[in-house]
């Protein structure tokens, strides 16, 4: 596996880190642990549920006017809540983004990344609208990252990935399949609050459909196949 970062992957890494630094400066994210107030960036750029805007006050007495805006299905993917949050996502982008970009080419890689990010956001909107009455923002690049994991597992199924815990190697398709099953189970059971498991699955679904389209395996065919 090559770790030489091509331009689009490098630009996404830089953009995410710069946005997180802005969050730290504005008090919209925490270096360690959870934040205890809603900052300007999350208020306007985080992904809020469909429905009427909510007006109220945060824990510091600041007036809030929050609700869904169309740009949020993209902007939410460049915000993170903590160092751990962004570190895990950027590590996965570093690990798999370059490989996928070199396979797809820069333009198609960016299309793939943002399709996964948007389908993850739309999935989260549907889930929060029909299955959860809570009103809270979703942030993070995890939906796009899970799309990249899915792509790696589909394109390089026999490539071996070394897990950290436990430290054992496994084939990429086994890792991706197992990860997807775990995410689905945790999403259904709600085992950990504050984690958008269904958004992760939405990112994987968007990536799967796009790859199948580029392979010419859907009823609607591309002008030319990007891959076999």
Protein backbone atom coordinates (compact mmCIF):
# COMPACT_ATOMS: atom_id res chain seq x y z
CA UNK A 1 0.00 0.00 0.00
CA UNK A 2 1.46 3.37 -1.06
CA UNK A 3 1.34 6.39 1.27
CA UNK A 4 2.49 8.95 -1.29
CA UNK A 5 -0.39 11.43 -1.22
CA UNK A 6 -1.72 12.70 -4.56
CA UNK A 7 -3.08 16.28 -4.74
CA UNK A 8 -6.80 15.79 -4.06
CA UNK A 9 -6.22 13.61 -1.01
CA UNK A 10 -3.64 16.07 0.30
CA UNK A 11 -6.01 19.01 -0.27
CA UNK A 12 -8.82 17.26 1.64
CA UNK A 13 -6.47 16.55 4.55
CA UNK A 14 -5.34 20.17 4.67
CA UNK A 15 -8.90 21.51 4.40
CA UNK A 16 -10.11 19.34 7.28
CA UNK A 17 -7.18 20.27 9.51
CA UNK A 18 -7.53 23.99 8.76
CA UNK A 19 -11.25 23.88 9.56
CA UNK A 20 -10.55 22.07 12.82
CA UNK A 21 -7.95 24.65 13.81
CA UNK A 22 -10.55 27.35 13.17
CA UNK A 23 -12.95 25.43 15.38
CA UNK A 24 -10.36 25.36 18.16
CA UNK A 25 -9.70 29.09 17.82
CA UNK A 26 -13.40 29.95 17.91
CA UNK A 27 -14.12 27.54 20.77
CA UNK A 28 -16.26 25.34 18.52
CA UNK A 29 -14.23 22.19 19.23
CA UNK A 30 -12.22 20.76 22.07
CA UNK A 31 -8.69 19.43 21.94
CA UNK A 32 -9.72 16.66 24.33
CA UNK A 33 -13.19 15.57 25.36
CA UNK A 34 -16.60 16.89 24.41
CA UNK A 35 -17.52 20.53 23.89
CA UNK A 36 -20.11 22.00 26.24
CA UNK A 37 -21.48 24.78 24.07
CA UNK A 38 -22.55 25.29 20.49
CA UNK A 39 -20.17 27.42 18.45
CA UNK A 40 -20.79 29.53 15.37
CA UNK A 41 -19.30 27.02 12.94
CA UNK A 42 -21.43 24.12 14.15
CA UNK A 43 -24.47 26.39 14.31
CA UNK A 44 -24.20 27.27 10.62
CA UNK A 45 -22.14 24.48 9.05
CA UNK A 46 -23.14 21.39 11.03
CA UNK A 47 -25.86 19.15 9.57
CA UNK A 48 -29.15 19.92 11.36
CA UNK A 49 -32.34 17.84 10.98
CA UNK A 50 -35.08 18.65 8.51
CA UNK A 51 -37.97 20.65 9.85
CA UNK A 52 -38.67 24.03 11.41
CA UNK A 53 -35.75 26.02 12.77
CA UNK A 54 -35.19 25.92 16.51
CA UNK A 55 -34.70 29.13 18.43
CA UNK A 56 -33.34 29.09 21.94
CA UNK A 57 -30.31 29.66 24.12
CA UNK A 58 -27.18 27.62 24.65
CA UNK A 59 -25.57 26.92 28.01
CA UNK A 60 -23.83 30.30 27.94
CA UNK A 61 -27.00 32.29 27.38
CA UNK A 62 -26.30 32.96 23.69
CA UNK A 63 -29.30 33.11 21.34
CA UNK A 64 -29.35 30.28 18.82
CA UNK A 65 -31.31 30.05 15.57
CA UNK A 66 -30.49 26.68 14.04
CA UNK A 67 -31.96 24.50 11.33
CA UNK A 68 -31.26 22.67 8.09
CA UNK A 69 -29.63 24.51 5.18
CA UNK A 70 -28.81 22.87 1.85
CA UNK A 71 -25.05 23.53 2.05
CA UNK A 72 -24.86 21.58 5.29
CA UNK A 73 -24.91 18.23 3.43
CA UNK A 74 -21.32 19.11 2.42
CA UNK A 75 -20.05 21.52 5.08
CA UNK A 76 -20.73 19.14 7.98
CA UNK A 77 -18.03 16.84 6.64
CA UNK A 78 -15.30 19.39 7.35
CA UNK A 79 -16.11 19.84 11.06
CA UNK A 80 -14.92 17.63 13.91
CA UNK A 81 -15.56 17.67 17.63
CA UNK A 82 -12.18 16.72 19.08
CA UNK A 83 -8.59 15.80 18.26
CA UNK A 84 -9.48 12.12 18.49
CA UNK A 85 -12.39 12.58 16.09
CA UNK A 86 -10.37 14.27 13.37
CA UNK A 87 -7.26 12.14 13.97
CA UNK A 88 -9.13 8.89 13.30
CA UNK A 89 -10.80 10.23 10.17
CA UNK A 90 -7.65 11.81 8.76
CA UNK A 91 -5.60 8.71 9.48
CA UNK A 92 -8.06 6.66 7.41
CA UNK A 93 -8.00 9.30 4.65
CA UNK A 94 -4.21 9.16 4.69
CA UNK A 95 -4.23 5.35 4.59
CA UNK A 96 -6.79 4.81 1.83
CA UNK A 97 -7.40 8.12 0.04
CA UNK A 98 -4.22 8.13 -2.00
CA UNK A 99 -4.73 4.56 -3.21
CA UNK A 100 -8.29 5.28 -4.31
CA UNK A 101 -7.33 8.58 -5.96
CA UNK A 102 -4.60 6.88 -7.98
CA UNK A 103 -7.10 4.22 -9.04
CA UNK A 104 -9.95 6.58 -9.98
CA UNK A 105 -8.00 9.65 -11.04
CA UNK A 106 -8.32 13.04 -9.34
CA UNK A 107 -11.67 14.11 -10.81
CA UNK A 108 -13.48 10.83 -10.19
CA UNK A 109 -11.94 10.51 -6.75
CA UNK A 110 -13.37 13.89 -5.73
CA UNK A 111 -16.74 12.94 -7.20
CA UNK A 112 -16.64 9.69 -5.25
CA UNK A 113 -15.63 11.39 -1.98
CA UNK A 114 -18.38 13.99 -2.12
CA UNK A 115 -21.05 11.55 -3.28
CA UNK A 116 -20.26 9.41 -0.23
CA UNK A 117 -20.28 12.48 2.01
CA UNK A 118 -23.64 13.67 0.66
CA UNK A 119 -25.33 10.26 0.75
CA UNK A 120 -24.11 9.84 4.33
CA UNK A 121 -25.63 13.20 5.23
CA UNK A 122 -28.92 12.42 3.49
CA UNK A 123 -29.09 9.06 5.27
CA UNK A 124 -28.58 10.79 8.60
CA UNK A 125 -31.34 13.29 7.77
CA UNK A 126 -33.78 10.48 7.00
CA UNK A 127 -32.86 8.55 10.15
CA UNK A 128 -33.17 11.56 12.44
CA UNK A 129 -36.47 12.55 10.80
CA UNK A 130 -38.23 9.18 10.96
CA UNK A 131 -36.46 7.21 13.68
CA UNK A 132 -35.20 9.80 16.14
CA UNK A 133 -36.96 12.89 17.47
CA UNK A 134 -33.77 14.51 18.77
CA UNK A 135 -32.60 17.85 17.40
CA UNK A 136 -28.83 17.89 17.28
CA UNK A 137 -26.15 18.50 14.62
CA UNK A 138 -24.09 15.87 12.83
CA UNK A 139 -20.45 16.65 12.05
CA UNK A 140 -17.44 14.76 10.72
CA UNK A 141 -16.00 13.24 7.55
CA UNK A 142 -16.77 9.68 8.64
CA UNK A 143 -19.42 9.08 5.95
CA UNK A 144 -16.93 9.85 3.17
CA UNK A 145 -14.22 7.86 4.96
CA UNK A 146 -16.44 4.78 5.15
CA UNK A 147 -17.06 5.18 1.43
CA UNK A 148 -13.30 5.04 0.87
CA UNK A 149 -13.06 1.91 3.03
CA UNK A 150 -15.82 0.33 0.96
CA UNK A 151 -14.02 1.25 -2.28
CA UNK A 152 -10.75 -0.24 -1.04
CA UNK A 153 -12.50 -3.44 -0.05
CA UNK A 154 -14.21 -3.71 -3.45
CA UNK A 155 -11.20 -2.80 -5.59
CA UNK A 156 -8.50 -4.55 -3.58
CA UNK A 157 -10.41 -7.34 -1.80
CA UNK A 158 -7.37 -9.54 -1.18
CA UNK A 159 -5.08 -6.75 0.07
CA UNK A 160 -4.20 -7.46 3.69
CA UNK A 161 -4.96 -4.92 6.40
CA UNK A 162 -3.23 -5.13 9.76
CA UNK A 163 -5.57 -4.42 12.65
CA UNK A 164 -4.30 -2.66 15.74
CA UNK A 165 -6.61 -4.35 18.26
CA UNK A 166 -6.25 -7.29 17.92
CA UNK A 167 -2.96 -7.10 15.95
CA UNK A 168 -3.91 -9.58 13.23
CA UNK A 169 -3.96 -9.25 9.42
CA UNK A 170 -7.12 -9.81 7.43
CA UNK A 171 -8.21 -9.40 3.84
CA UNK A 172 -9.73 -6.04 2.92
CA UNK A 173 -13.11 -7.47 1.94
CA UNK A 174 -13.39 -9.28 5.29
CA UNK A 175 -12.49 -6.09 7.17
CA UNK A 176 -14.98 -3.93 5.26
CA UNK A 177 -17.79 -6.49 5.51
CA UNK A 178 -17.24 -7.01 9.21
CA UNK A 179 -17.03 -3.28 9.86
CA UNK A 180 -20.29 -2.70 7.99
CA UNK A 181 -22.09 -5.41 9.98
CA UNK A 182 -20.82 -3.96 13.26
CA UNK A 183 -21.94 -0.45 12.25
CA UNK A 184 -25.40 -1.72 11.33
CA UNK A 185 -25.77 -3.61 14.60
CA UNK A 186 -24.61 -0.63 16.66
CA UNK A 187 -26.91 1.71 14.74
CA UNK A 188 -29.94 -0.50 15.33
CA UNK A 189 -29.12 -1.16 18.97
CA UNK A 190 -27.97 2.41 19.72
CA UNK A 191 -25.02 1.14 21.75
CA UNK A 192 -23.11 4.44 21.76
CA UNK A 193 -24.81 7.83 21.89
CA UNK A 194 -23.60 10.60 19.61
CA UNK A 195 -22.21 8.36 16.84
CA UNK A 196 -23.96 8.56 13.44
CA UNK A 197 -23.75 4.88 12.55
CA UNK A 198 -26.38 5.09 9.82
CA UNK A 199 -24.49 7.98 8.21
CA UNK A 200 -21.47 5.70 7.99
CA UNK A 201 -23.59 3.07 6.26
CA UNK A 202 -25.05 5.75 3.98
CA UNK A 203 -21.54 6.68 2.88
CA UNK A 204 -20.78 3.05 2.11
CA UNK A 205 -24.04 2.67 0.20
CA UNK A 206 -23.35 5.76 -1.90
CA UNK A 207 -19.87 4.48 -2.69
CA UNK A 208 -21.16 1.02 -3.63
CA UNK A 209 -23.81 2.38 -6.01
CA UNK A 210 -21.34 4.76 -7.68
CA UNK A 211 -18.75 2.04 -8.21
CA UNK A 212 -21.38 -0.26 -9.68
CA UNK A 213 -22.49 2.56 -11.99
CA UNK A 214 -18.93 3.18 -13.16
CA UNK A 215 -18.59 -0.56 -13.78
CA UNK A 216 -21.68 -0.46 -15.99
CA UNK A 217 -23.63 -2.83 -13.73
CA UNK A 218 -26.67 -0.61 -13.16
CA UNK A 219 -29.66 -0.12 -15.51
CA UNK A 220 -28.37 3.41 -16.22
CA UNK A 221 -25.01 3.06 -18.00
CA UNK A 222 -22.08 5.51 -17.93
CA UNK A 223 -20.71 6.90 -21.19
CA UNK A 224 -17.61 4.86 -20.60
CA UNK A 225 -16.68 2.37 -17.92
CA UNK A 226 -14.22 3.66 -15.37
CA UNK A 227 -13.31 0.17 -14.17
CA UNK A 228 -14.13 -3.49 -14.60
